[in-house]
Structures are given as structure tokens and as C-alpha cells.
Amino acid sequence: MDIFDTIREQIENNPVLLYMKGSPEQPQCGFSARTVQALMACGERFAYVDVLSNPDIRANLPKFADWPTFPQLWVKGELVGGCDIVVEMHEKGELKPLVHEAVSGS
């Protein structure tokens, strides 16, 4: 399986997936930390991939997504965006219903 198949499989198998630097418990950059805070405020479980410990994903996800930076939030197979977009959606009250619907299916 090539790296693009791996990425595609991760995105398809996780309704809410965050590609980030570090882990939710120990983010390794401020942008990842802010994104995790916004996601955790939604109160739903989410999957994550640490791009620092997965260099192939770090190198190839920007090509796959046509999005150059990390973190990247994917919901139901669609790229939502990076830190600024996620935080803005959280502040507007748009993130929680999106994440809840993806996780619960309702």
C-alpha cells in the first residue's frame, strides 16, 4: 500500500481526524494546541495522526490535500482546514454541530 492509500484509508475510517504535530495531550506546536483545544471543547472523540512521528504522511499529505500546512482537520472525508479556520468555526459555534453530526451520525 502506498502512502496515499494509507492517508485515504485514515480519512475514510475516521469521521473526525486531525493531522497534527504531537498528540492532543502533548501538542508540539501552538497551532496544533489551539486546534486541539477547539476540538476538545466539542466534547466528542476524535482520531489524530502525529505527523512528526510519521514523516511519510508529513511529506505527502500536503500534496494529497492540496493544503500546505499542519494541523489539518478532516470531518467525514472532507478537509475542513487548519488552525485559523477551526478556531474561527469554534468561536462562531459552527464546529461543535459539525463534529457531533460526524461522530453520532445525526
PDB file of N, CA and C in Angstrom:
ATOM      1  N   MET A   1       0.847  -1.177   0.000  1.00  0.00           N
ATOM      2  CA  MET A   1       0.000   0.000   0.000  1.00  0.00           C
ATOM      3  C   MET A   1       0.892   1.240   0.000  1.00  0.00           C
ATOM      4  N   ASP A   2       0.612   2.176  -0.900  1.00  0.00           N
ATOM      5  CA  ASP A   2       1.439   3.377  -0.899  1.00  0.00           C
ATOM      6  C   ASP A   2       0.893   4.388   0.105  1.00  0.00           C
ATOM      7  N   ILE A   3       1.637   5.455   0.306  1.00  0.00           N
ATOM      8  CA  ILE A   3       1.312   6.421   1.355  1.00  0.00           C
ATOM      9  C   ILE A   3      -0.020   7.115   1.079  1.00  0.00           C
ATOM     10  N   PHE A   4      -0.367   7.329  -0.187  1.00  0.00           N
ATOM     11  CA  PHE A   4      -1.643   7.966  -0.498  1.00  0.00           C
ATOM     12  C   PHE A   4      -2.809   7.045  -0.149  1.00  0.00           C
ATOM     13  N   ASP A   5      -2.626   5.730  -0.336  1.00  0.00           N
ATOM     14  CA  ASP A   5      -3.654   4.769   0.088  1.00  0.00           C
ATOM     15  C   ASP A   5      -3.807   4.795   1.610  1.00  0.00           C
ATOM     16  N   THR A   6      -2.694   4.893   2.315  1.00  0.00           N
ATOM     17  CA  THR A   6      -2.728   4.952   3.776  1.00  0.00           C
ATOM     18  C   THR A   6      -3.488   6.191   4.238  1.00  0.00           C
ATOM     19  N   ILE A   7      -3.169   7.333   3.658  1.00  0.00           N
ATOM     20  CA  ILE A   7      -3.845   8.583   4.011  1.00  0.00           C
ATOM     21  C   ILE A   7      -5.342   8.473   3.708  1.00  0.00           C
ATOM     22  N   ARG A   8      -5.666   7.986   2.523  1.00  0.00           N
ATOM     23  CA  ARG A   8      -7.072   7.843   2.120  1.00  0.00           C
ATOM     24  C   ARG A   8      -7.813   6.944   3.113  1.00  0.00           C
ATOM     25  N   GLU A   9      -7.192   5.843   3.499  1.00  0.00           N
ATOM     26  CA  GLU A   9      -7.802   4.905   4.438  1.00  0.00           C
ATOM     27  C   GLU A   9      -8.011   5.561   5.811  1.00  0.00           C
ATOM     28  N   GLN A  10      -7.042   6.311   6.285  1.00  0.00           N
ATOM     29  CA  GLN A  10      -7.183   7.007   7.574  1.00  0.00           C
ATOM     30  C   GLN A  10      -8.360   7.975   7.533  1.00  0.00           C
ATOM     31  N   ILE A  11      -8.460   8.722   6.466  1.00  0.00           N
ATOM     32  CA  ILE A  11      -9.523   9.723   6.336  1.00  0.00           C
ATOM     33  C   ILE A  11     -10.890   9.048   6.234  1.00  0.00           C
ATOM     34  N   GLU A  12     -10.969   7.958   5.477  1.00  0.00           N
ATOM     35  CA  GLU A  12     -12.242   7.262   5.293  1.00  0.00           C
ATOM     36  C   GLU A  12     -12.694   6.536   6.556  1.00  0.00           C
ATOM     37  N   ASN A  13     -11.753   6.061   7.369  1.00  0.00           N
ATOM     38  CA  ASN A  13     -12.098   5.238   8.532  1.00  0.00           C
ATOM     39  C   ASN A  13     -12.277   6.026   9.832  1.00  0.00           C
ATOM     40  N   ASN A  14     -12.097   7.330   9.789  1.00  0.00           N
ATOM     41  CA  ASN A  14     -12.237   8.155  10.994  1.00  0.00           C
ATOM     42  C   ASN A  14     -13.135   9.343  10.677  1.00  0.00           C
ATOM     43  N   PRO A  15     -14.314   9.406  11.308  1.00  0.00           N
ATOM     44  CA  PRO A  15     -15.223  10.511  10.996  1.00  0.00           C
ATOM     45  C   PRO A  15     -14.649  11.881  11.324  1.00  0.00           C
ATOM     46  N   VAL A  16     -13.827  11.948  12.365  1.00  0.00           N
ATOM     47  CA  VAL A  16     -13.145  13.202  12.718  1.00  0.00           C
ATOM     48  C   VAL A  16     -11.671  12.864  12.918  1.00  0.00           C
ATOM     49  N   LEU A  17     -10.829  13.435  12.082  1.00  0.00           N
ATOM     50  CA  LEU A  17      -9.402  13.101  12.086  1.00  0.00           C
ATOM     51  C   LEU A  17      -8.584  14.384  12.027  1.00  0.00           C
ATOM     52  N   LEU A  18      -7.646  14.491  12.946  1.00  0.00           N
ATOM     53  CA  LEU A  18      -6.757  15.652  12.989  1.00  0.00           C
ATOM     54  C   LEU A  18      -5.332  15.202  12.708  1.00  0.00           C
ATOM     55  N   TYR A  19      -4.750  15.731  11.642  1.00  0.00           N
ATOM     56  CA  TYR A  19      -3.318  15.565  11.390  1.00  0.00           C
ATOM     57  C   TYR A  19      -2.640  16.732  12.095  1.00  0.00           C
ATOM     58  N   MET A  20      -1.759  16.418  13.032  1.00  0.00           N
ATOM     59  CA  MET A  20      -1.186  17.470  13.875  1.00  0.00           C
ATOM     60  C   MET A  20       0.260  17.163  14.211  1.00  0.00           C
ATOM     61  N   LYS A  21       0.912  18.126  14.814  1.00  0.00           N
ATOM     62  CA  LYS A  21       2.270  17.929  15.324  1.00  0.00           C
ATOM     63  C   LYS A  21       2.158  17.595  16.804  1.00  0.00           C
ATOM     64  N   GLY A  22       2.539  16.366  17.141  1.00  0.00           N
ATOM     65  CA  GLY A  22       2.418  15.890  18.512  1.00  0.00           C
ATOM     66  C   GLY A  22       1.119  15.148  18.720  1.00  0.00           C
ATOM     67  N   SER A  23       0.662  15.124  19.968  1.00  0.00           N
ATOM     68  CA  SER A  23      -0.580  14.435  20.325  1.00  0.00           C
ATOM     69  C   SER A  23      -1.500  15.427  21.030  1.00  0.00           C
ATOM     70  N   PRO A  24      -2.786  15.087  21.170  1.00  0.00           N
ATOM     71  CA  PRO A  24      -3.678  16.003  21.889  1.00  0.00           C
ATOM     72  C   PRO A  24      -3.188  16.301  23.312  1.00  0.00           C
ATOM     73  N   GLU A  25      -2.562  15.314  23.944  1.00  0.00           N
ATOM     74  CA  GLU A  25      -2.049  15.506  25.298  1.00  0.00           C
ATOM     75  C   GLU A  25      -0.766  16.334  25.311  1.00  0.00           C
ATOM     76  N   GLN A  26       0.011  16.249  24.236  1.00  0.00           N
ATOM     77  CA  GLN A  26       1.275  16.983  24.144  1.00  0.00           C
ATOM     78  C   GLN A  26       1.474  17.539  22.739  1.00  0.00           C
ATOM     79  N   PRO A  27       0.717  18.583  22.386  1.00  0.00           N
ATOM     80  CA  PRO A  27       0.919  19.196  21.067  1.00  0.00           C
ATOM     81  C   PRO A  27       2.330  19.774  20.970  1.00  0.00           C
ATOM     82  N   GLN A  28       2.908  19.686  19.773  1.00  0.00           N
ATOM     83  CA  GLN A  28       4.282  20.143  19.577  1.00  0.00           C
ATOM     84  C   GLN A  28       4.372  21.467  18.833  1.00  0.00           C
ATOM     85  N   CYS A  29       3.237  22.138  18.647  1.00  0.00           N
ATOM     86  CA  CYS A  29       3.265  23.493  18.104  1.00  0.00           C
ATOM     87  C   CYS A  29       2.006  24.215  18.558  1.00  0.00           C
ATOM     88  N   GLY A  30       2.067  25.522  18.567  1.00  0.00           N
ATOM     89  CA  GLY A  30       0.947  26.326  19.040  1.00  0.00           C
ATOM     90  C   GLY A  30      -0.306  26.169  18.195  1.00  0.00           C
ATOM     91  N   PHE A  31      -0.132  26.014  16.879  1.00  0.00           N
ATOM     92  CA  PHE A  31      -1.290  25.867  16.007  1.00  0.00           C
ATOM     93  C   PHE A  31      -2.018  24.559  16.304  1.00  0.00           C
ATOM     94  N   SER A  32      -1.252  23.488  16.503  1.00  0.00           N
ATOM     95  CA  SER A  32      -1.867  22.207  16.854  1.00  0.00           C
ATOM     96  C   SER A  32      -2.554  22.309  18.213  1.00  0.00           C
ATOM     97  N   ALA A  33      -1.933  22.993  19.165  1.00  0.00           N
ATOM     98  CA  ALA A  33      -2.511  23.139  20.501  1.00  0.00           C
ATOM     99  C   ALA A  33      -3.847  23.880  20.440  1.00  0.00           C
ATOM    100  N   ARG A  34      -3.909  24.961  19.679  1.00  0.00           N
ATOM    101  CA  ARG A  34      -5.153  25.731  19.569  1.00  0.00           C
ATOM    102  C   ARG A  34      -6.246  24.922  18.878  1.00  0.00           C
ATOM    103  N   THR A  35      -5.870  24.154  17.870  1.00  0.00           N
ATOM    104  CA  THR A  35      -6.844  23.331  17.154  1.00  0.00           C
ATOM    105  C   THR A  35      -7.393  22.248  18.070  1.00  0.00           C
ATOM    106  N   VAL A  36      -6.520  21.594  18.834  1.00  0.00           N
ATOM    107  CA  VAL A  36      -6.939  20.558  19.779  1.00  0.00           C
ATOM    108  C   VAL A  36      -7.890  21.145  20.822  1.00  0.00           C
ATOM    109  N   GLN A  37      -7.585  22.327  21.337  1.00  0.00           N
ATOM    110  CA  GLN A  37      -8.465  22.961  22.328  1.00  0.00           C
ATOM    111  C   GLN A  37      -9.861  23.171  21.757  1.00  0.00           C
ATOM    112  N   ALA A  38      -9.943  23.648  20.531  1.00  0.00           N
ATOM    113  CA  ALA A  38     -11.245  23.879  19.895  1.00  0.00           C
ATOM    114  C   ALA A  38     -11.980  22.555  19.702  1.00  0.00           C
ATOM    115  N   LEU A  39     -11.262  21.528  19.265  1.00  0.00           N
ATOM    116  CA  LEU A  39     -11.891  20.214  19.057  1.00  0.00           C
ATOM    117  C   LEU A  39     -12.344  19.602  20.373  1.00  0.00           C
ATOM    118  N   MET A  40     -11.511  19.676  21.389  1.00  0.00           N
ATOM    119  CA  MET A  40     -11.868  19.091  22.684  1.00  0.00           C
ATOM    120  C   MET A  40     -13.085  19.787  23.288  1.00  0.00           C
ATOM    121  N   ALA A  41     -13.248  21.065  23.009  1.00  0.00           N
ATOM    122  CA  ALA A  41     -14.403  21.802  23.514  1.00  0.00           C
ATOM    123  C   ALA A  41     -15.711  21.281  22.914  1.00  0.00           C
ATOM    124  N   CYS A  42     -15.607  20.534  21.813  1.00  0.00           N
ATOM    125  CA  CYS A  42     -16.802  19.947  21.193  1.00  0.00           C
ATOM    126  C   CYS A  42     -17.314  18.750  21.991  1.00  0.00           C
ATOM    127  N   GLY A  43     -16.468  18.174  22.815  1.00  0.00           N
ATOM    128  CA  GLY A  43     -16.889  17.073  23.672  1.00  0.00           C
ATOM    129  C   GLY A  43     -17.025  15.730  22.982  1.00  0.00           C
ATOM    130  N   GLU A  44     -16.455  15.584  21.805  1.00  0.00           N
ATOM    131  CA  GLU A  44     -16.528  14.317  21.066  1.00  0.00           C
ATOM    132  C   GLU A  44     -15.127  13.742  20.898  1.00  0.00           C
ATOM    133  N   ARG A  45     -15.091  12.420  20.761  1.00  0.00           N
ATOM    134  CA  ARG A  45     -13.815  11.764  20.497  1.00  0.00           C
ATOM    135  C   ARG A  45     -13.388  12.036  19.059  1.00  0.00           C
ATOM    136  N   PHE A  46     -12.084  12.124  18.861  1.00  0.00           N
ATOM    137  CA  PHE A  46     -11.559  12.296  17.513  1.00  0.00           C
ATOM    138  C   PHE A  46     -10.245  11.534  17.405  1.00  0.00           C
ATOM    139  N   ALA A  47      -9.934  11.142  16.191  1.00  0.00           N
ATOM    140  CA  ALA A  47      -8.675  10.460  15.922  1.00  0.00           C
ATOM    141  C   ALA A  47      -7.628  11.507  15.544  1.00  0.00           C
ATOM    142  N   TYR A  48      -6.372  11.133  15.717  1.00  0.00           N
ATOM    143  CA  TYR A  48      -5.301  12.039  15.304  1.00  0.00           C
ATOM    144  C   TYR A  48      -4.137  11.228  14.765  1.00  0.00           C
ATOM    145  N   VAL A  49      -3.336  11.884  13.966  1.00  0.00           N
ATOM    146  CA  VAL A  49      -2.085  11.324  13.459  1.00  0.00           C
ATOM    147  C   VAL A  49      -1.006  12.354  13.731  1.00  0.00           C
ATOM    148  N   ASP A  50       0.047  11.928  14.416  1.00  0.00           N
ATOM    149  CA  ASP A  50       1.192  12.795  14.691  1.00  0.00           C
ATOM    150  C   ASP A  50       2.093  12.790  13.464  1.00  0.00           C
ATOM    151  N   VAL A  51       2.122  13.900  12.741  1.00  0.00           N
ATOM    152  CA  VAL A  51       2.920  13.955  11.516  1.00  0.00           C
ATOM    153  C   VAL A  51       4.418  14.001  11.808  1.00  0.00           C
ATOM    154  N   LEU A  52       4.795  14.368  13.038  1.00  0.00           N
ATOM    155  CA  LEU A  52       6.221  14.370  13.385  1.00  0.00           C
ATOM    156  C   LEU A  52       6.774  12.952  13.476  1.00  0.00           C
ATOM    157  N   SER A  53       5.948  12.006  13.920  1.00  0.00           N
ATOM    158  CA  SER A  53       6.416  10.621  14.013  1.00  0.00           C
ATOM    159  C   SER A  53       6.033   9.808  12.773  1.00  0.00           C
ATOM    160  N   ASN A  54       5.417  10.469  11.790  1.00  0.00           N
ATOM    161  CA  ASN A  54       5.052   9.830  10.520  1.00  0.00           C
ATOM    162  C   ASN A  54       5.547  10.702   9.365  1.00  0.00           C
ATOM    163  N   PRO A  55       6.866  10.689   9.121  1.00  0.00           N
ATOM    164  CA  PRO A  55       7.429  11.607   8.115  1.00  0.00           C
ATOM    165  C   PRO A  55       6.870  11.422   6.710  1.00  0.00           C
ATOM    166  N   ASP A  56       6.487  10.184   6.342  1.00  0.00           N
ATOM    167  CA  ASP A  56       5.905   9.971   5.006  1.00  0.00           C
ATOM    168  C   ASP A  56       4.573  10.701   4.873  1.00  0.00           C
ATOM    169  N   ILE A  57       3.768  10.657   5.931  1.00  0.00           N
ATOM    170  CA  ILE A  57       2.494  11.366   5.904  1.00  0.00           C
ATOM    171  C   ILE A  57       2.752  12.868   5.904  1.00  0.00           C
ATOM    172  N   ARG A  58       3.684  13.311   6.727  1.00  0.00           N
ATOM    173  CA  ARG A  58       4.009  14.747   6.778  1.00  0.00           C
ATOM    174  C   ARG A  58       4.442  15.256   5.406  1.00  0.00           C
ATOM    175  N   ALA A  59       5.198  14.455   4.687  1.00  0.00           N
ATOM    176  CA  ALA A  59       5.704  14.877   3.382  1.00  0.00           C
ATOM    177  C   ALA A  59       4.634  14.828   2.292  1.00  0.00           C
ATOM    178  N   ASN A  60       3.691  13.892   2.400  1.00  0.00           N
ATOM    179  CA  ASN A  60       2.757  13.657   1.296  1.00  0.00           C
ATOM    180  C   ASN A  60       1.339  14.183   1.510  1.00  0.00           C
ATOM    181  N   LEU A  61       0.925  14.376   2.754  1.00  0.00           N
ATOM    182  CA  LEU A  61      -0.439  14.868   2.981  1.00  0.00           C
ATOM    183  C   LEU A  61      -0.685  16.230   2.323  1.00  0.00           C
ATOM    184  N   PRO A  62       0.265  17.176   2.379  1.00  0.00           N
ATOM    185  CA  PRO A  62       0.005  18.447   1.690  1.00  0.00           C
ATOM    186  C   PRO A  62      -0.292  18.279   0.192  1.00  0.00           C
ATOM    187  N   LYS A  63       0.340  17.305  -0.457  1.00  0.00           N
ATOM    188  CA  LYS A  63       0.059  17.038  -1.877  1.00  0.00           C
ATOM    189  C   LYS A  63      -1.328  16.427  -2.020  1.00  0.00           C
ATOM    190  N   PHE A  64      -1.645  15.476  -1.157  1.00  0.00           N
ATOM    191  CA  PHE A  64      -2.938  14.783  -1.201  1.00  0.00           C
ATOM    192  C   PHE A  64      -4.075  15.788  -0.990  1.00  0.00           C
ATOM    193  N   ALA A  65      -3.910  16.656  -0.004  1.00  0.00           N
ATOM    194  CA  ALA A  65      -4.981  17.569   0.399  1.00  0.00           C
ATOM    195  C   ALA A  65      -4.969  18.887  -0.356  1.00  0.00           C
ATOM    196  N   ASP A  66      -3.864  19.174  -1.043  1.00  0.00           N
ATOM    197  CA  ASP A  66      -3.663  20.490  -1.644  1.00  0.00           C
ATOM    198  C   ASP A  66      -3.790  21.576  -0.571  1.00  0.00           C
ATOM    199  N   TRP A  67      -3.208  21.272   0.597  1.00  0.00           N
ATOM    200  CA  TRP A  67      -3.207  22.188   1.751  1.00  0.00           C
ATOM    201  C   TRP A  67      -1.808  22.090   2.345  1.00  0.00           C
ATOM    202  N   PRO A  68      -1.041  23.179   2.371  1.00  0.00           N
ATOM    203  CA  PRO A  68       0.385  23.078   2.665  1.00  0.00           C
ATOM    204  C   PRO A  68       0.792  22.922   4.134  1.00  0.00           C
ATOM    205  N   THR A  69      -0.105  23.226   5.072  1.00  0.00           N
ATOM    206  CA  THR A  69       0.325  23.332   6.464  1.00  0.00           C
ATOM    207  C   THR A  69      -0.383  22.338   7.379  1.00  0.00           C
ATOM    208  N   PHE A  70       0.134  22.250   8.592  1.00  0.00           N
ATOM    209  CA  PHE A  70      -0.465  21.446   9.657  1.00  0.00           C
ATOM    210  C   PHE A  70      -0.792  22.376  10.810  1.00  0.00           C
ATOM    211  N   PRO A  71      -1.822  22.062  11.565  1.00  0.00           N
ATOM    212  CA  PRO A  71      -2.676  20.882  11.512  1.00  0.00           C
ATOM    213  C   PRO A  71      -3.679  20.942  10.359  1.00  0.00           C
ATOM    214  N   GLN A  72      -4.281  19.774  10.104  1.00  0.00           N
ATOM    215  CA  GLN A  72      -5.362  19.658   9.134  1.00  0.00           C
ATOM    216  C   GLN A  72      -6.484  18.868   9.794  1.00  0.00           C
ATOM    217  N   LEU A  73      -7.678  19.428   9.802  1.00  0.00           N
ATOM    218  CA  LEU A  73      -8.836  18.735  10.340  1.00  0.00           C
ATOM    219  C   LEU A  73      -9.689  18.208   9.192  1.00  0.00           C
ATOM    220  N   TRP A  74      -9.982  16.913   9.266  1.00  0.00           N
ATOM    221  CA  TRP A  74     -10.833  16.238   8.289  1.00  0.00           C
ATOM    222  C   TRP A  74     -12.085  15.753   9.006  1.00  0.00           C
ATOM    223  N   VAL A  75     -13.243  16.047   8.440  1.00  0.00           N
ATOM    224  CA  VAL A  75     -14.516  15.596   9.006  1.00  0.00           C
ATOM    225  C   VAL A  75     -15.308  14.923   7.891  1.00  0.00           C
ATOM    226  N   LYS A  76     -15.689  13.664   8.151  1.00  0.00           N
ATOM    227  CA  LYS A  76     -16.449  12.870   7.176  1.00  0.00           C
ATOM    228  C   LYS A  76     -15.802  12.894   5.787  1.00  0.00           C
ATOM    229  N   GLY A  77     -14.490  12.735   5.755  1.00  0.00           N
ATOM    230  CA  GLY A  77     -13.778  12.631   4.490  1.00  0.00           C
ATOM    231  C   GLY A  77     -13.471  13.945   3.802  1.00  0.00           C
ATOM    232  N   GLU A  78     -13.874  15.054   4.400  1.00  0.00           N
ATOM    233  CA  GLU A  78     -13.653  16.368   3.787  1.00  0.00           C
ATOM    234  C   GLU A  78     -12.669  17.180   4.623  1.00  0.00           C
ATOM    235  N   LEU A  79     -11.764  17.861   3.959  1.00  0.00           N
ATOM    236  CA  LEU A  79     -10.844  18.756   4.648  1.00  0.00           C
ATOM    237  C   LEU A  79     -11.613  19.999   5.108  1.00  0.00           C
ATOM    238  N   VAL A  80     -11.610  20.232   6.414  1.00  0.00           N
ATOM    239  CA  VAL A  80     -12.245  21.428   6.975  1.00  0.00           C
ATOM    240  C   VAL A  80     -11.264  22.587   6.887  1.00  0.00           C
ATOM    241  N   GLY A  81     -10.019  22.348   7.289  1.00  0.00           N
ATOM    242  CA  GLY A  81      -8.999  23.377   7.207  1.00  0.00           C
ATOM    243  C   GLY A  81      -7.999  23.260   8.334  1.00  0.00           C
ATOM    244  N   GLY A  82      -7.264  24.344   8.526  1.00  0.00           N
ATOM    245  CA  GLY A  82      -6.223  24.382   9.532  1.00  0.00           C
ATOM    246  C   GLY A  82      -6.659  25.135  10.777  1.00  0.00           C
ATOM    247  N   CYS A  83      -5.695  25.533  11.546  1.00  0.00           N
ATOM    248  CA  CYS A  83      -5.926  26.153  12.853  1.00  0.00           C
ATOM    249  C   CYS A  83      -6.871  27.349  12.789  1.00  0.00           C
ATOM    250  N   ASP A  84      -6.590  28.313  11.942  1.00  0.00           N
ATOM    251  CA  ASP A  84      -7.397  29.534  11.907  1.00  0.00           C
ATOM    252  C   ASP A  84      -8.860  29.231  11.588  1.00  0.00           C
ATOM    253  N   ILE A  85      -9.089  28.363  10.618  1.00  0.00           N
ATOM    254  CA  ILE A  85     -10.459  28.016  10.221  1.00  0.00           C
ATOM    255  C   ILE A  85     -11.165  27.282  11.348  1.00  0.00           C
ATOM    256  N   VAL A  86     -10.487  26.304  11.963  1.00  0.00           N
ATOM    257  CA  VAL A  86     -11.096  25.517  13.038  1.00  0.00           C
ATOM    258  C   VAL A  86     -11.429  26.403  14.239  1.00  0.00           C
ATOM    259  N   VAL A  87     -10.502  27.256  14.634  1.00  0.00           N
ATOM    260  CA  VAL A  87     -10.735  28.145  15.782  1.00  0.00           C
ATOM    261  C   VAL A  87     -11.874  29.119  15.471  1.00  0.00           C
ATOM    262  N   GLU A  88     -11.900  29.649  14.267  1.00  0.00           N
ATOM    263  CA  GLU A  88     -12.970  30.567  13.884  1.00  0.00           C
ATOM    264  C   GLU A  88     -14.328  29.855  13.898  1.00  0.00           C
ATOM    265  N   MET A  89     -14.377  28.640  13.372  1.00  0.00           N
ATOM    266  CA  MET A  89     -15.623  27.869  13.393  1.00  0.00           C
ATOM    267  C   MET A  89     -16.065  27.603  14.832  1.00  0.00           C
ATOM    268  N   HIS A  90     -15.119  27.305  15.712  1.00  0.00           N
ATOM    269  CA  HIS A  90     -15.436  27.073  17.116  1.00  0.00           C
ATOM    270  C   HIS A  90     -16.027  28.343  17.741  1.00  0.00           C
ATOM    271  N   GLU A  91     -15.398  29.468  17.485  1.00  0.00           N
ATOM    272  CA  GLU A  91     -15.862  30.737  18.055  1.00  0.00           C
ATOM    273  C   GLU A  91     -17.247  31.114  17.546  1.00  0.00           C
ATOM    274  N   LYS A  92     -17.575  30.736  16.318  1.00  0.00           N
ATOM    275  CA  LYS A  92     -18.889  31.040  15.742  1.00  0.00           C
ATOM    276  C   LYS A  92     -19.945  29.989  16.112  1.00  0.00           C
ATOM    277  N   GLY A  93     -19.524  28.928  16.805  1.00  0.00           N
ATOM    278  CA  GLY A  93     -20.470  27.877  17.166  1.00  0.00           C
ATOM    279  C   GLY A  93     -20.761  26.895  16.050  1.00  0.00           C
ATOM    280  N   GLU A  94     -19.920  26.875  15.017  1.00  0.00           N
ATOM    281  CA  GLU A  94     -20.151  26.005  13.859  1.00  0.00           C
ATOM    282  C   GLU A  94     -19.430  24.661  13.968  1.00  0.00           C
ATOM    283  N   LEU A  95     -18.392  24.601  14.782  1.00  0.00           N
ATOM    284  CA  LEU A  95     -17.569  23.389  14.843  1.00  0.00           C
ATOM    285  C   LEU A  95     -18.277  22.267  15.597  1.00  0.00           C
ATOM    286  N   LYS A  96     -18.855  22.571  16.749  1.00  0.00           N
ATOM    287  CA  LYS A  96     -19.462  21.539  17.591  1.00  0.00           C
ATOM    288  C   LYS A  96     -20.560  20.758  16.861  1.00  0.00           C
ATOM    289  N   PRO A  97     -21.528  21.424  16.194  1.00  0.00           N
ATOM    290  CA  PRO A  97     -22.543  20.636  15.493  1.00  0.00           C
ATOM    291  C   PRO A  97     -21.967  19.805  14.346  1.00  0.00           C
ATOM    292  N   LEU A  98     -20.968  20.327  13.665  1.00  0.00           N
ATOM    293  CA  LEU A  98     -20.334  19.582  12.574  1.00  0.00           C
ATOM    294  C   LEU A  98     -19.687  18.307  13.103  1.00  0.00           C
ATOM    295  N   VAL A  99     -18.921  18.444  14.188  1.00  0.00           N
ATOM    296  CA  VAL A  99     -18.230  17.299  14.781  1.00  0.00           C
ATOM    297  C   VAL A  99     -19.231  16.325  15.380  1.00  0.00           C
ATOM    298  N   HIS A 100     -20.230  16.840  16.077  1.00  0.00           N
ATOM    299  CA  HIS A 100     -21.236  15.973  16.703  1.00  0.00           C
ATOM    300  C   HIS A 100     -21.965  15.142  15.653  1.00  0.00           C
ATOM    301  N   GLU A 101     -22.365  15.779  14.566  1.00  0.00           N
ATOM    302  CA  GLU A 101     -23.076  15.076  13.498  1.00  0.00           C
ATOM    303  C   GLU A 101     -22.199  14.015  12.851  1.00  0.00           C
ATOM    304  N   ALA A 102     -20.918  14.318  12.685  1.00  0.00           N
ATOM    305  CA  ALA A 102     -19.993  13.353  12.081  1.00  0.00           C
ATOM    306  C   ALA A 102     -19.816  12.134  12.973  1.00  0.00           C
ATOM    307  N   VAL A 103     -19.721  12.357  14.280  1.00  0.00           N
ATOM    308  CA  VAL A 103     -19.477  11.270  15.228  1.00  0.00           C
ATOM    309  C   VAL A 103     -20.742  10.456  15.469  1.00  0.00           C
ATOM    310  N   SER A 104     -21.850  11.139  15.664  1.00  0.00           N
ATOM    311  CA  SER A 104     -23.086  10.446  16.035  1.00  0.00           C
ATOM    312  C   SER A 104     -23.907  10.016  14.832  1.00  0.00           C
ATOM    313  N   GLY A 105     -23.660  10.645  13.695  1.00  0.00           N
ATOM    314  CA  GLY A 105     -24.436  10.316  12.505  1.00  0.00           C
ATOM    315  C   GLY A 105     -25.814  10.940  12.507  1.00  0.00           C
ATOM    316  N   SER A 106     -26.048  11.883  13.440  1.00  0.00           N
ATOM    317  CA  SER A 106     -27.367  12.544  13.469  1.00  0.00           C
ATOM    318  C   SER A 106     -27.231  14.051  13.516  1.00  0.00           C
TER     319      SER A 106
END
